[in-house]
Amino acid sequence: MNQQFGEGYAESVAKDYVLAELGGRTVDQALAEGVAAKEVWRAVCATFDVPQKLR
């Protein structure tokens, strides 16, 4: 997240941005509820069109 968004913005994305791919949860919520980090990262990649080299 930090490489893609920068440290400050990555924190904001994780706590504030609701992703449909995560069932309407934020990254922080999904991780707290036990969703695997790889699954969360895939959702972030799909939503924000993360470059292939960071996937």
C-alpha atoms as a PDB file:
ATOM      1  CA  MET A   1       0.000   0.000   0.000  1.00  0.00           C
ATOM      2  CA  ASN A   2       2.774   2.428   0.893  1.00  0.00           C
ATOM      3  CA  GLN A   3       4.557   1.843  -2.423  1.00  0.00           C
ATOM      4  CA  GLN A   4       1.391   2.469  -4.413  1.00  0.00           C
ATOM      5  CA  PHE A   5      -0.152   5.345  -2.478  1.00  0.00           C
ATOM      6  CA  GLY A   6       2.553   6.790  -0.247  1.00  0.00           C
ATOM      7  CA  GLU A   7       2.586   6.364   3.506  1.00  0.00           C
ATOM      8  CA  GLY A   8       0.015   9.002   4.466  1.00  0.00           C
ATOM      9  CA  TYR A   9      -2.484   8.276   1.717  1.00  0.00           C
ATOM     10  CA  ALA A  10      -2.172   4.484   2.155  1.00  0.00           C
ATOM     11  CA  GLU A  11      -3.392   4.837   5.732  1.00  0.00           C
ATOM     12  CA  SER A  12      -6.343   6.906   4.564  1.00  0.00           C
ATOM     13  CA  VAL A  13      -7.237   4.416   1.817  1.00  0.00           C
ATOM     14  CA  ALA A  14      -7.094   1.538   4.312  1.00  0.00           C
ATOM     15  CA  LYS A  15      -9.399   3.144   6.840  1.00  0.00           C
ATOM     16  CA  ASP A  16     -11.713   5.300   4.716  1.00  0.00           C
ATOM     17  CA  TYR A  17     -12.221   3.773   1.263  1.00  0.00           C
ATOM     18  CA  VAL A  18     -15.034   1.217   1.009  1.00  0.00           C
ATOM     19  CA  LEU A  19     -14.374  -1.462  -1.602  1.00  0.00           C
ATOM     20  CA  ALA A  20     -17.223  -3.346  -3.273  1.00  0.00           C
ATOM     21  CA  GLU A  21     -14.872  -6.307  -3.798  1.00  0.00           C
ATOM     22  CA  LEU A  22     -14.592  -6.587  -0.007  1.00  0.00           C
ATOM     23  CA  GLY A  23     -18.332  -6.691   0.545  1.00  0.00           C
ATOM     24  CA  GLY A  24     -18.641  -2.982   1.227  1.00  0.00           C
ATOM     25  CA  ARG A  25     -15.858  -2.940   3.812  1.00  0.00           C
ATOM     26  CA  THR A  26     -12.672  -0.967   4.111  1.00  0.00           C
ATOM     27  CA  VAL A  27      -9.256  -2.619   4.010  1.00  0.00           C
ATOM     28  CA  ASP A  28      -8.948  -2.215   7.775  1.00  0.00           C
ATOM     29  CA  GLN A  29     -12.390  -3.702   8.400  1.00  0.00           C
ATOM     30  CA  ALA A  30     -11.785  -6.657   6.103  1.00  0.00           C
ATOM     31  CA  LEU A  31      -8.449  -7.465   7.720  1.00  0.00           C
ATOM     32  CA  ALA A  32      -9.929  -7.131  11.208  1.00  0.00           C
ATOM     33  CA  GLU A  33     -12.674  -9.561  10.225  1.00  0.00           C
ATOM     34  CA  GLY A  34     -10.147 -12.156   9.096  1.00  0.00           C
ATOM     35  CA  VAL A  35     -10.074 -11.691   5.334  1.00  0.00           C
ATOM     36  CA  ALA A  36      -6.709 -12.879   4.022  1.00  0.00           C
ATOM     37  CA  ALA A  37      -4.236 -10.104   3.231  1.00  0.00           C
ATOM     38  CA  LYS A  38      -3.744 -11.469  -0.307  1.00  0.00           C
ATOM     39  CA  GLU A  39      -7.475 -11.254  -0.974  1.00  0.00           C
ATOM     40  CA  VAL A  40      -7.579  -7.704   0.359  1.00  0.00           C
ATOM     41  CA  TRP A  41      -4.597  -6.705  -1.780  1.00  0.00           C
ATOM     42  CA  ARG A  42      -6.241  -8.210  -4.894  1.00  0.00           C
ATOM     43  CA  ALA A  43      -9.312  -6.060  -4.209  1.00  0.00           C
ATOM     44  CA  VAL A  44      -7.146  -2.963  -3.811  1.00  0.00           C
ATOM     45  CA  CYS A  45      -5.328  -3.777  -7.063  1.00  0.00           C
ATOM     46  CA  ALA A  46      -8.593  -4.190  -8.954  1.00  0.00           C
ATOM     47  CA  THR A  47     -10.131  -1.028  -7.555  1.00  0.00           C
ATOM     48  CA  PHE A  48      -7.137   1.267  -8.007  1.00  0.00           C
ATOM     49  CA  ASP A  49      -5.536  -0.306 -11.106  1.00  0.00           C
ATOM     50  CA  VAL A  50      -2.260  -0.982  -9.311  1.00  0.00           C
ATOM     51  CA  PRO A  51       0.654  -1.519 -11.738  1.00  0.00           C
ATOM     52  CA  GLN A  52       1.529  -5.150 -12.411  1.00  0.00           C
ATOM     53  CA  LYS A  53       4.998  -4.781 -10.848  1.00  0.00           C
ATOM     54  CA  LEU A  54       3.403  -4.078  -7.443  1.00  0.00           C
ATOM     55  CA  ARG A  55       0.848  -6.875  -7.570  1.00  0.00           C
END
